[in-house]
Protein backbone atom coordinates (compact mmCIF):
# COMPACT_ATOMS: atom_id res chain seq x y z
CA MET A 1 136.87 93.05 177.62
CA ARG A 2 139.33 90.42 176.39
CA LEU A 3 136.96 87.68 177.62
CA TRP A 4 134.20 89.02 175.51
CA LEU A 5 136.44 89.46 172.55
CA SER A 6 137.69 85.86 172.81
CA LEU A 7 134.23 84.52 173.18
CA TYR A 8 133.04 86.39 170.08
CA CYS A 9 135.91 85.08 167.97
CA ALA A 10 135.30 81.45 169.24
CA LEU A 11 131.61 81.72 168.34
CA ALA A 12 132.37 83.17 164.90
CA PHE A 13 134.86 80.32 164.23
CA ALA A 14 132.36 77.69 165.29
CA TYR A 15 129.63 79.14 163.10
CA ALA A 16 131.91 79.25 160.06
CA GLN A 17 132.88 75.50 160.60
CA SER A 18 129.29 74.37 161.17
CA PRO A 19 127.31 72.88 158.20
CA VAL A 20 124.89 75.25 156.49
CA SER A 21 121.30 73.94 155.78
CA SER A 22 120.17 73.72 152.21
CA THR A 23 117.50 76.32 152.76
CA ALA A 24 120.13 78.85 153.62
CA LEU A 25 121.85 78.50 150.25
CA ALA A 26 120.70 80.86 147.52
CA THR A 27 119.51 79.26 144.32
CA LYS A 28 121.62 80.19 141.39
CA GLN A 29 120.08 81.61 138.27
CA PRO A 30 120.69 79.77 134.97
CA ARG A 31 123.76 80.66 132.91
CA LEU A 32 124.11 80.30 129.13
CA ALA A 33 127.26 80.59 127.00
CA GLY A 34 128.33 79.82 123.45
CA LYS A 35 129.76 81.38 120.26
CA VAL A 36 128.60 82.72 116.90
CA LEU A 37 130.26 81.14 113.88
CA SER A 38 130.01 81.63 110.18
CA THR A 39 129.21 78.66 107.89
CA THR A 40 132.94 78.74 107.07
CA GLY A 41 133.70 78.01 110.69
CA GLU A 42 135.17 81.48 111.40
CA PRO A 43 133.99 83.33 114.49
CA VAL A 44 131.66 86.26 113.97
CA ARG A 45 132.56 89.23 116.11
CA LYS A 46 130.17 91.97 117.14
CA ALA A 47 127.11 89.90 116.42
CA ASN A 48 123.96 90.95 118.22
CA VAL A 49 122.86 87.84 120.25
CA ARG A 50 119.44 87.90 121.68
CA LEU A 51 117.92 85.52 124.21
CA GLU A 52 114.16 85.95 123.65
CA ALA A 53 111.75 84.73 126.27
CA THR A 54 108.70 82.91 125.17
CA THR A 55 107.44 81.86 128.68
CA SER A 56 108.51 82.42 132.22
CA GLU A 57 108.12 80.73 135.56
CA ASN A 58 106.62 81.70 138.84
CA GLY A 59 104.33 84.27 137.26
CA GLN A 60 107.33 86.50 136.29
CA GLU A 61 106.99 88.58 133.17
CA ALA A 62 108.84 87.13 130.29
CA SER A 63 111.91 89.30 129.27
CA SER A 64 114.50 89.25 126.58
CA TYR A 65 118.24 89.84 126.84
CA SER A 66 120.98 91.06 124.36
CA GLU A 67 124.72 90.59 124.32
CA SER A 68 127.42 91.21 121.72
CA SER A 69 129.81 88.50 120.66
CA ASP A 70 133.50 89.19 121.33
CA ASN A 71 136.44 88.92 118.97
CA ASP A 72 136.30 85.12 119.27
CA GLY A 73 132.61 85.11 118.56
CA LYS A 74 131.81 84.23 122.27
CA PHE A 75 128.85 85.41 124.18
CA LEU A 76 127.59 84.90 127.76
CA PHE A 77 124.23 85.36 129.48
CA ASP A 78 124.66 85.22 133.20
CA ALA A 79 121.91 85.08 135.96
CA VAL A 80 119.10 84.55 133.49
CA PRO A 81 115.67 84.15 135.09
CA PRO A 82 114.26 80.56 134.57
CA GLY A 83 111.90 80.17 131.61
CA ARG A 84 111.62 79.08 128.08
CA TYR A 85 113.73 81.02 125.46
CA ILE A 86 114.98 81.05 121.90
CA LEU A 87 118.47 82.16 120.82
CA ILE A 88 119.00 84.39 117.93
CA ALA A 89 122.14 86.05 116.37
CA GLU A 90 122.19 88.82 113.83
CA LYS A 91 124.86 90.83 111.97
CA SER A 92 124.81 92.92 108.88
CA GLY A 93 126.01 90.88 105.88
CA PHE A 94 124.64 87.64 107.26
CA GLU A 95 121.27 85.89 107.32
CA THR A 96 119.77 85.74 110.81
CA GLY A 97 120.88 82.68 112.71
CA ARG A 98 118.70 80.72 115.12
CA TYR A 99 120.06 78.21 117.57
CA GLY A 100 118.94 74.71 116.62
CA ALA A 101 117.46 75.62 113.26
CA ARG A 102 117.91 72.99 110.69
CA THR A 103 117.84 75.47 107.80
CA PRO A 104 118.98 79.13 107.48
CA THR A 105 115.31 80.21 107.68
CA GLY A 106 114.06 77.45 109.93
CA PRO A 107 112.60 77.98 113.42
CA ALA A 108 114.87 77.98 116.53
CA THR A 109 114.93 75.23 119.11
CA SER A 110 113.23 76.21 122.35
CA ILE A 111 115.58 76.35 125.37
CA ASN A 112 114.02 75.55 128.76
CA LEU A 113 116.22 77.07 131.55
CA VAL A 114 115.71 75.92 135.14
CA PRO A 115 117.39 77.09 138.42
CA ASP A 116 121.02 76.14 138.83
CA GLN A 117 121.30 75.19 135.15
CA GLU A 118 124.41 75.96 133.15
CA MET A 119 124.41 75.62 129.40
CA LYS A 120 127.64 76.17 127.52
CA ASP A 121 129.26 75.50 124.13
CA LEU A 122 126.05 76.56 122.25
CA VAL A 123 126.73 77.42 118.63
CA VAL A 124 124.67 79.78 116.48
CA VAL A 125 125.62 79.60 112.74
CA LEU A 126 125.32 82.67 110.52
CA THR A 127 125.21 82.29 106.76
CA PRO A 128 127.03 85.08 104.78
CA ASN A 129 124.76 86.86 102.38
CA GLY A 130 125.77 87.50 98.84
CA VAL A 131 125.67 90.37 96.24
CA LEU A 132 123.93 90.63 92.84
CA SER A 133 124.99 93.49 90.60
CA GLY A 134 124.99 94.38 86.90
CA LYS A 135 123.61 96.72 84.23
CA VAL A 136 120.32 97.34 82.39
CA LEU A 137 120.55 98.25 78.69
CA ASP A 138 118.06 99.12 75.98
CA GLN A 139 117.76 97.25 72.69
CA ASP A 140 120.56 99.41 71.20
CA GLY A 141 122.95 98.59 74.06
CA ASP A 142 122.68 101.98 75.84
CA PRO A 143 122.29 102.11 79.61
CA VAL A 144 118.86 102.76 81.00
CA SER A 145 118.67 105.04 83.90
CA SER A 146 115.88 104.82 86.59
CA ALA A 147 114.75 101.41 85.32
CA GLN A 148 113.01 99.47 87.97
CA ILE A 149 114.61 96.00 88.57
CA MET A 150 113.39 93.27 90.85
CA ALA A 151 115.10 90.16 92.18
CA MET A 152 112.61 87.38 92.68
CA ARG A 153 112.53 83.80 94.06
CA LEU A 154 110.31 80.96 93.10
CA ALA A 155 108.48 79.77 96.21
CA TYR A 156 105.35 77.96 97.22
CA THR A 157 102.50 79.81 98.75
CA HIS A 158 99.37 77.77 99.74
CA GLY A 159 100.78 74.98 97.57
CA ARG A 160 101.09 77.13 94.41
CA ARG A 161 104.41 77.96 92.88
CA GLN A 162 104.78 81.75 92.68
CA LEU A 163 107.43 84.44 91.95
CA LEU A 164 107.87 86.37 95.22
CA PRO A 165 109.80 89.67 95.39
CA ALA A 166 113.09 89.51 97.23
CA GLY A 167 114.20 93.13 96.53
CA VAL A 168 113.53 96.10 94.28
CA LYS A 169 116.09 98.61 93.01
CA ARG A 170 116.38 101.40 90.39
CA THR A 171 119.31 101.77 88.11
CA ASP A 172 121.59 104.77 88.39
CA ASP A 173 122.43 107.19 85.61
CA GLN A 174 124.73 104.57 84.07
CA GLY A 175 122.15 101.83 84.22
CA ASN A 176 123.88 100.00 87.07
CA PHE A 177 122.11 98.17 89.92
CA ARG A 178 123.32 96.35 93.06
CA PHE A 179 121.51 94.12 95.49
CA ALA A 180 123.43 93.71 98.74
CA ASN A 181 122.74 91.25 101.61
CA VAL A 182 121.25 88.67 99.23
CA VAL A 183 120.18 85.44 100.94
CA PRO A 184 121.83 82.53 99.35
CA GLY A 185 119.50 80.77 96.85
CA ARG A 186 118.23 80.89 93.21
CA TYR A 187 116.96 84.21 91.83
CA TYR A 188 115.33 85.55 88.73
CA LEU A 189 115.82 89.19 87.64
CA THR A 190 113.22 91.30 85.74
CA ALA A 191 113.35 94.87 84.71
CA GLN A 192 111.06 97.46 83.19
CA ASP A 193 111.62 101.00 81.74
CA THR A 194 109.67 103.14 84.12
CA ARG A 195 108.60 105.31 81.11
CA ALA A 196 106.44 102.34 80.12
CA ASN A 197 104.33 102.92 83.31
CA SER A 198 102.65 105.80 81.60
CA ASN A 199 99.75 104.50 79.52
CA ALA A 200 100.71 106.51 76.47
CA THR A 201 101.61 104.40 73.41
CA SER A 202 104.25 104.98 70.78
CA VAL A 203 101.70 105.59 68.03
CA HIS A 204 102.59 109.00 66.40
CA PRO A 205 99.62 111.35 65.71
CA GLY A 206 99.01 111.71 61.96
CA ARG A 207 100.94 108.55 61.05
CA GLU A 208 98.23 106.10 60.07
CA GLY A 209 99.11 102.46 60.10
CA THR A 210 101.84 102.83 62.77
CA LYS A 211 101.88 100.14 65.38
CA ALA A 212 102.35 100.73 69.05
CA GLU A 213 105.55 99.40 70.55
CA SER A 214 106.98 99.66 73.96
CA TYR A 215 109.70 98.26 76.18
CA LEU A 216 108.32 94.99 77.71
CA LEU A 217 108.75 93.59 81.14
CA THR A 218 112.04 91.69 80.50
CA TYR A 219 113.64 88.85 82.35
CA TYR A 220 117.32 88.09 82.62
CA PRO A 221 119.10 87.89 80.27
CA SER A 222 116.81 89.23 77.60
CA VAL A 223 113.44 87.38 77.34
CA THR A 224 109.85 88.31 78.00
CA ASP A 225 108.62 84.96 79.21
CA ILE A 226 109.47 83.78 82.68
CA THR A 227 109.62 80.14 81.41
CA SER A 228 112.68 81.15 79.23
CA ALA A 229 114.41 83.20 81.92
CA SER A 230 117.85 82.11 83.23
CA PRO A 231 118.01 81.59 87.01
CA ILE A 232 120.98 83.08 88.99
CA ASP A 233 122.43 81.01 91.78
CA VAL A 234 123.91 82.96 94.67
CA SER A 235 125.96 80.94 97.16
CA ALA A 236 126.89 81.95 100.61
CA GLY A 237 129.03 85.10 100.58
CA ALA A 238 129.17 85.13 96.74
CA ASP A 239 129.53 88.32 94.67
CA VAL A 240 127.66 87.72 91.51
CA SER A 241 128.50 90.71 89.33
CA GLY A 242 128.69 91.73 85.65
CA LEU A 243 125.10 90.75 84.87
CA THR A 244 123.66 92.36 81.83
CA LEU A 245 119.85 92.55 81.39
CA GLN A 246 118.84 94.00 77.92
CA LEU A 247 115.27 95.19 77.63
CA ARG A 248 113.17 93.92 74.79
CA LYS A 249 110.67 95.90 72.74
CA GLY A 250 107.43 94.52 71.38
CA ARG A 251 103.96 95.15 70.11
CA VAL A 252 101.65 96.39 72.85
CA PHE A 253 97.92 97.06 72.91
CA THR A 254 95.35 99.07 74.85
CA ILE A 255 92.05 98.40 76.45
CA ARG A 256 89.64 101.39 76.62
CA GLY A 257 86.26 101.58 78.13
CA ARG A 258 84.09 102.91 80.99
CA ALA A 259 83.43 101.84 84.47
CA VAL A 260 79.73 102.22 85.34
CA ASN A 261 77.42 101.59 88.25
CA ALA A 262 75.82 98.28 87.55
CA VAL A 263 72.45 99.34 88.98
CA THR A 264 72.01 102.92 87.64
CA GLY A 265 74.31 102.85 84.67
CA ALA A 266 75.93 106.14 85.81
CA PRO A 267 79.72 106.54 85.50
CA ALA A 268 81.68 105.20 88.37
CA VAL A 269 84.02 107.71 89.99
CA ASP A 270 87.03 107.53 92.32
CA VAL A 271 87.53 103.89 91.48
CA PRO A 272 91.05 102.42 90.94
CA VAL A 273 91.05 99.80 88.17
CA ILE A 274 93.74 97.32 87.29
CA VAL A 275 94.63 94.81 84.60
CA LEU A 276 96.61 91.62 85.45
CA PRO A 277 97.24 88.34 83.48
CA LYS A 278 94.54 85.82 84.28
CA ASP A 279 97.20 83.40 85.48
CA SER A 280 99.59 85.60 87.43
CA SER A 281 101.02 82.88 89.69
CA GLU A 282 104.47 83.12 88.08
CA ALA A 283 104.51 86.82 87.24
CA PRO A 284 106.00 89.70 89.24
CA VAL A 285 102.55 91.07 90.20
CA ILE A 286 103.93 94.24 92.03
CA MET A 287 105.61 95.33 88.79
CA LEU A 288 102.54 94.54 86.75
CA ILE A 289 100.40 96.54 89.21
CA ASN A 290 102.72 99.57 88.74
CA ARG A 291 102.14 99.35 84.99
CA SER A 292 98.35 99.03 84.99
CA LEU A 293 96.90 100.49 88.11
CA GLN A 294 94.82 103.59 87.15
CA GLN A 295 92.17 105.86 88.58
CA VAL A 296 89.12 106.12 86.26
CA ARG A 297 88.45 109.59 84.89
CA PRO A 298 85.55 111.76 86.12
CA ASP A 299 83.39 110.50 83.24
CA GLY A 300 84.07 106.81 84.23
CA SER A 301 86.42 106.23 81.25
CA PHE A 302 89.75 104.42 81.48
CA GLU A 303 92.53 103.56 79.05
CA ILE A 304 95.30 101.03 80.03
CA GLY A 305 97.99 100.35 77.54
CA ASN A 306 101.30 98.45 77.28
CA LEU A 307 99.50 95.11 77.16
CA SER A 308 101.17 92.17 75.38
CA PRO A 309 98.96 89.52 73.77
CA GLY A 310 97.22 87.18 76.32
CA THR A 311 94.19 86.78 78.54
CA TYR A 312 93.66 89.39 81.24
CA VAL A 313 91.32 90.27 84.02
CA LEU A 314 90.11 93.91 84.48
CA GLN A 315 88.73 94.76 87.84
CA ASN A 316 88.69 97.44 90.49
CA MET A 317 90.84 97.16 93.60
CA THR A 318 88.18 96.26 96.10
CA LEU A 319 88.67 97.53 99.66
CA HIS A 320 86.90 96.14 102.63
CA SER A 321 86.91 96.42 106.42
CA PRO A 322 88.29 93.65 108.66
CA ASP A 323 84.73 92.54 109.47
CA GLY A 324 84.17 91.51 105.91
CA HIS A 325 81.86 94.42 104.83
CA ALA A 326 82.87 95.99 101.61
CA THR A 327 83.76 99.66 101.53
CA ALA A 328 83.74 99.88 97.74
CA VAL A 329 81.90 98.41 94.84
CA THR A 330 83.38 95.51 92.94
CA GLY A 331 83.48 94.25 89.36
CA ARG A 332 85.44 91.91 87.07
CA LEU A 333 85.84 91.60 83.30
CA GLU A 334 87.87 88.95 81.50
CA PHE A 335 89.20 89.86 78.04
CA ASN A 336 91.71 88.55 75.54
CA ILE A 337 94.20 90.52 73.47
CA ALA A 338 95.41 88.88 70.24
CA ASP A 339 96.62 91.55 67.66
CA ALA A 340 94.31 94.57 68.21
CA ASP A 341 93.30 96.99 70.89
CA VAL A 342 90.09 96.39 72.91
CA ASP A 343 87.67 99.27 72.60
CA GLY A 344 84.32 99.85 74.18
CA ALA A 345 84.84 97.63 77.31
CA THR A 346 82.38 98.14 80.03
CA LEU A 347 83.28 97.36 83.75
CA ALA A 348 80.02 97.07 85.65
CA LEU A 349 80.65 97.78 89.29
CA GLY A 350 78.04 96.68 91.85
CA PRO A 351 77.93 95.97 95.61
CA GLY A 352 79.31 92.45 95.04
CA ALA A 353 77.89 89.23 96.19
CA GLU A 354 76.49 88.67 99.63
CA ILE A 355 77.10 85.46 101.41
CA ALA A 356 74.89 84.61 104.46
CA GLY A 357 75.16 81.53 106.41
CA ARG A 358 74.82 79.58 109.59
CA PHE A 359 76.79 77.12 111.71
CA ARG A 360 75.01 74.02 112.99
CA LEU A 361 76.44 71.53 115.50
CA GLU A 362 75.66 67.80 115.40
CA GLY A 363 75.61 66.12 118.75
CA GLY A 364 75.52 69.35 120.85
CA ASP A 365 74.16 72.79 121.44
CA LEU A 366 76.02 75.35 119.35
CA LYS A 367 75.34 78.25 121.60
CA THR A 368 76.43 76.44 124.65
CA VAL A 369 79.64 75.27 123.05
CA PHE A 370 80.46 78.69 121.58
CA SER A 371 79.72 80.34 124.91
CA THR A 372 82.05 77.94 126.75
CA GLN A 373 84.82 78.53 124.25
CA GLN A 374 84.44 82.32 124.57
CA GLN A 375 84.61 82.03 128.37
CA ASN A 376 87.78 79.81 128.29
CA GLY A 377 89.40 81.73 125.48
CA SER A 378 90.66 80.33 122.15
CA PRO A 379 94.40 79.81 121.49
CA ASP A 380 94.87 83.10 119.58
CA GLY A 381 92.36 85.13 121.62
CA SER A 382 89.58 85.02 119.01
CA GLY A 383 86.41 83.09 118.59
CA PRO A 384 85.18 80.96 115.64
CA SER A 385 85.49 82.64 112.27
CA ILE A 386 84.86 81.98 108.62
CA GLU A 387 87.31 83.16 105.90
CA LEU A 388 87.09 83.33 102.08
CA LEU A 389 90.54 83.10 100.54
CA PRO A 390 90.96 83.94 96.79
CA VAL A 391 92.27 80.98 94.85
CA GLU A 392 93.86 82.58 91.71
CA GLU A 393 93.73 86.38 91.67
CA ARG A 394 96.42 87.67 93.95
CA GLN A 395 95.06 91.23 93.89
CA THR A 396 91.79 90.17 95.61
CA GLN A 397 91.85 90.49 99.36
CA PRO A 398 90.67 87.65 101.70
CA PHE A 399 87.47 88.14 103.65
CA GLN A 400 87.15 87.04 107.27
CA VAL A 401 84.19 87.53 109.55
CA PRO A 402 83.55 86.28 113.10
CA ILE A 403 80.73 83.93 113.86
CA LYS A 404 77.87 85.29 116.12
CA GLY A 405 76.87 83.43 119.21
CA ASP A 406 73.81 81.96 117.41
CA GLY A 407 76.10 80.63 114.60
CA THR A 408 75.12 83.10 111.91
CA PHE A 409 77.36 85.25 109.72
CA ARG A 410 77.25 87.56 106.76
CA ILE A 411 79.82 88.63 104.19
CA THR A 412 79.11 91.45 101.77
CA GLY A 413 80.90 92.94 98.72
CA VAL A 414 82.46 89.67 97.62
CA PRO A 415 84.13 89.93 94.19
CA ALA A 416 83.26 87.54 91.34
CA THR A 417 86.06 84.98 91.65
CA ARG A 418 86.76 81.66 93.23
CA PHE A 419 87.48 81.22 97.02
CA VAL A 420 88.52 78.67 99.48
CA VAL A 421 86.25 78.37 102.52
CA ASN A 422 88.35 78.29 105.65
CA VAL A 423 86.79 77.71 109.16
CA GLY A 424 88.98 78.64 112.06
CA ASN A 425 89.01 78.51 115.86
CA ILE A 426 86.15 75.98 116.30
CA PRO A 427 85.74 74.53 119.74
CA ASP A 428 87.96 71.65 120.85
CA GLY A 429 86.54 68.29 120.08
CA THR A 430 84.67 69.46 116.94
CA TYR A 431 85.46 69.22 113.20
CA VAL A 432 84.00 70.60 110.07
CA LYS A 433 81.80 67.81 108.68
CA SER A 434 80.27 69.69 105.77
CA VAL A 435 80.31 73.00 104.01
CA ARG A 436 77.46 73.49 101.50
CA PHE A 437 76.71 76.37 99.16
CA GLY A 438 73.35 76.44 97.44
CA GLY A 439 72.89 72.76 98.49
CA ALA A 440 76.21 71.66 96.91
CA GLU A 441 79.15 70.44 98.93
CA VAL A 442 82.14 72.84 98.66
CA GLY A 443 84.09 71.84 101.72
CA LYS A 444 86.75 70.07 99.58
CA GLU A 445 86.63 72.14 96.50
CA ALA A 446 86.74 75.91 95.62
CA LEU A 447 83.68 78.09 96.08
CA ASP A 448 82.96 79.39 92.59
CA LEU A 449 81.49 82.93 92.64
CA THR A 450 82.57 83.97 89.13
CA SER A 451 78.91 84.47 88.20
CA GLY A 452 78.78 87.28 90.61
CA LYS A 453 75.84 85.80 92.56
CA GLY A 454 75.78 85.30 96.30
CA GLY A 455 73.91 82.66 98.24
CA THR A 456 73.68 80.73 101.49
CA LEU A 457 76.66 78.96 103.05
CA ASP A 458 75.85 76.22 105.55
CA VAL A 459 78.54 74.83 107.84
CA ILE A 460 77.95 71.69 109.84
CA LEU A 461 80.21 70.85 112.75
CA SER A 462 80.37 67.54 114.53
CA MET A 463 81.40 66.76 118.16
CA GLY A 464 83.15 63.53 117.06
CA ALA A 465 86.68 64.98 116.16
CA ALA A 466 89.58 62.55 116.22
CA ASP A 467 93.32 63.33 116.88
CA ALA A 468 96.62 61.93 115.91
CA THR A 469 99.83 62.15 118.06
CA GLY A 470 103.39 60.91 117.87
CA THR A 471 107.02 61.35 118.99
CA LEU A 472 109.96 61.57 116.49
CA LEU A 473 113.22 60.12 117.67
CA ASP A 474 116.60 59.76 115.93
CA SER A 475 118.53 56.54 115.52
CA GLU A 476 119.88 56.80 119.07
CA GLY A 477 116.47 57.40 120.61
CA HIS A 478 116.92 61.14 121.14
CA PRO A 479 113.95 63.47 120.53
CA MET A 480 114.07 65.48 117.31
CA ALA A 481 112.76 69.01 117.81
CA ASN A 482 111.66 71.49 115.20
CA ILE A 483 110.82 68.92 112.56
CA PRO A 484 107.90 69.68 110.13
CA VAL A 485 105.17 67.11 110.14
CA THR A 486 102.43 66.92 107.65
CA LEU A 487 99.01 65.23 107.70
CA TRP A 488 96.98 65.06 104.51
CA PRO A 489 93.92 63.21 103.08
CA LYS A 490 94.55 60.27 100.79
CA ASN A 491 92.24 61.70 98.15
CA LEU A 492 93.99 65.04 97.98
CA THR A 493 93.75 66.69 94.55
CA ALA A 494 95.18 69.87 93.01
CA SER A 495 91.90 71.76 93.33
CA SER A 496 91.48 70.70 96.92
CA SER A 497 95.07 71.05 97.98
CA TRP A 498 96.48 73.29 100.65
CA PHE A 499 93.41 74.03 102.79
CA LEU A 500 92.97 70.31 103.52
CA VAL A 501 96.66 69.83 104.53
CA ARG A 502 97.58 70.13 108.20
CA ASN A 503 101.18 71.04 109.23
CA THR A 504 102.89 71.28 112.59
CA ILE A 505 106.31 71.17 114.14
CA THR A 506 107.67 68.78 116.77
CA ASP A 507 108.35 70.34 120.22
CA GLN A 508 111.53 69.98 122.27
CA THR A 509 110.46 66.46 123.25
CA GLY A 510 110.05 65.47 119.65
CA SER A 511 106.24 65.29 120.07
CA PHE A 512 103.53 66.46 117.81
CA LYS A 513 99.65 66.38 117.74
CA PHE A 514 96.88 67.01 115.20
CA ASN A 515 93.43 67.98 116.70
CA GLY A 516 90.03 68.46 115.21
CA LEU A 517 90.24 65.79 112.50
CA GLY A 518 87.40 64.31 110.66
CA PRO A 519 87.01 60.63 110.02
CA GLY A 520 88.79 59.34 106.94
CA ASP A 521 92.05 57.99 105.50
CA TYR A 522 95.22 60.12 105.74
CA TYR A 523 98.95 60.10 105.17
CA CYS A 524 101.49 61.39 107.72
CA ALA A 525 105.15 62.27 107.21
CA ALA A 526 108.03 64.07 108.85
CA TRP A 527 110.62 66.17 106.83
CA GLU A 528 114.22 66.74 107.50
CA ASP A 529 114.07 69.95 105.46
CA ALA A 530 111.09 71.30 103.52
CA ASP A 531 109.60 74.67 102.88
CA SER A 532 106.17 75.05 104.53
CA GLY A 533 104.62 76.26 101.32
CA VAL A 534 105.52 73.11 99.23
CA LEU A 535 104.13 70.90 102.05
CA GLU A 536 100.68 72.08 100.89
CA ASN A 537 101.24 71.14 97.21
CA SER A 538 99.36 68.00 96.15
CA ASP A 539 101.96 67.01 93.44
CA PHE A 540 104.81 67.19 96.00
CA LEU A 541 102.92 65.19 98.60
CA ALA A 542 101.97 62.59 96.10
CA ARG A 543 105.61 61.81 95.56
CA PHE A 544 106.02 60.69 99.09
CA THR A 545 103.11 58.32 99.73
CA ASN A 546 105.45 55.36 99.95
CA GLU A 547 107.59 57.05 102.60
CA ALA A 548 104.55 58.41 104.55
CA VAL A 549 102.56 56.48 107.14
CA PRO A 550 98.98 55.64 106.18
CA LEU A 551 96.36 56.40 108.85
CA SER A 552 92.63 55.67 109.15
CA LEU A 553 90.62 57.67 111.65
CA ALA A 554 87.15 57.05 112.94
CA GLU A 555 85.11 59.57 114.90
CA ARG A 556 86.47 60.32 118.36
CA SER A 557 89.45 58.05 117.71
CA HIS A 558 92.94 58.73 119.19
CA GLU A 559 95.73 57.31 117.10
CA THR A 560 99.46 57.18 117.69
CA VAL A 561 101.78 57.60 114.58
CA ASN A 562 105.37 56.30 114.43
CA LEU A 563 107.25 58.24 111.73
CA LYS A 564 110.61 57.98 110.09
CA LEU A 565 112.30 61.19 108.86
CA ILE A 566 112.25 61.76 105.16
CA PRO A 567 115.80 62.78 104.27
CA ARG A 568 116.83 66.19 102.86
CA ASP A 569 118.35 64.63 99.74
CA LYS A 570 115.15 62.83 98.76
CA ILE A 571 113.19 65.95 99.23
CA SER A 572 115.57 67.98 97.17
CA LEU A 573 115.52 65.47 94.28
CA GLU A 574 111.65 65.53 94.03
CA MET A 575 111.69 69.29 94.29
CA ALA A 576 114.04 69.43 91.34
CA LYS A 577 111.65 67.26 89.21
CA MET A 578 108.84 69.74 89.84
CA GLN A 579 110.77 72.79 88.43
């Protein structure tokens, strides 16, 4: 017995001392550690830190993981499956932080985790939010309860500067308001007395000669024109309090009329109508809608009041299904208010314009190319489509329809306004060579349908698409990830702005690529920090033609672009000049 025991111990000792083959060692899962800090450098405790998977390896399903930072702001993700991730941290009172983001709202840098990898000392920075608070008073200095107040920010959408809502509140019984968790930035405040939302005027029955007055949409501190409003700057963690916004009264007018069926002349029923300023790009549209949206009466009549002098558009709120077919009639009436009410207006509602068209392909068979693309699948899972995007009127919905296998399409119920024609998800190697409506080229200008008439839209594709690629490196030769890169035509104008501009972001290797380009002359630039909306503004881009790289493309050409980063200070300086 002792002999067997001695032999067993000897064998066990020998096995422990012998080298182990590499195949016998278990592969370690990646490990990731770091901390969450405030912009002040202080650790942020109890932050929710998420490791969100974007892709995975070995066919494993992508998963996301969550941890909480400790008292020192530290976090740890242990034994994470290999794959590509982004790292995000959140806590109430702070703006969401993304690892590697160059701005508080910028995209996160992708993290590629491989077996045996350990990443440590990662830092996610959170920006403290601020507070805006104050009081709304009437013209006599008394508090206004239940007033609607909106905080707004000027931003660029599709290259146009617009006031976008950042928060809506109502005042309490003492006229007080408070916005918490305000993202650092510049804001405008506007308020309205909710009693002005009723379309009744202040004209007293039996008092001839009286003029209608009402509290107007008022901007801080007490003006009725956004161009005269005072902006409010909120820095990180700031408490901006004691603001007083005093409502202004003024002359208001009313438009009265009837909505009728354009074909039969019968009263239109169950139709919502709305009045908005013709140029509403720098107006709080949501608040204006609240003041003027109205359902027509059973006899088709309507009466919309509280309108200040100016040029307006009266129209119905057109609804349509995702396939581009209208589910309601449409109509539009432009009118002007000077110093009197508008009576007897007629809003003719019809089925809207019908746009029919066809795609053609130069140098190839369209059905074959479309069929191949459908079999292989497009990047977003959909096939070729055509979209009509409204240029000015923000209450008009866009229309998007798929292209049939034979290249035909049809859009019905299109309102009488101007649209941009956008072609999406076309096959690789093709580009849009021409877009013609009624024989006239509209591919680089807006499609004008204000006459209310439809027509035929012909789209010609070509197989000779070009592309442009490049890699952005810093002064030490390291790749620069998450950098916006813009490509735009040299002949870009305000009327042909954003839909001709192409934007992308460099990947983790600093590389970028633009596909599906037509022949022509372009500029290309990389930006240290720029909002995506302003990168579609022709005025902004024109200010950087000297810093941008000129590029000439022929059909089927493959060009490489070497860019230098345009610094944040230069961008901020030019942005300030545009205010």
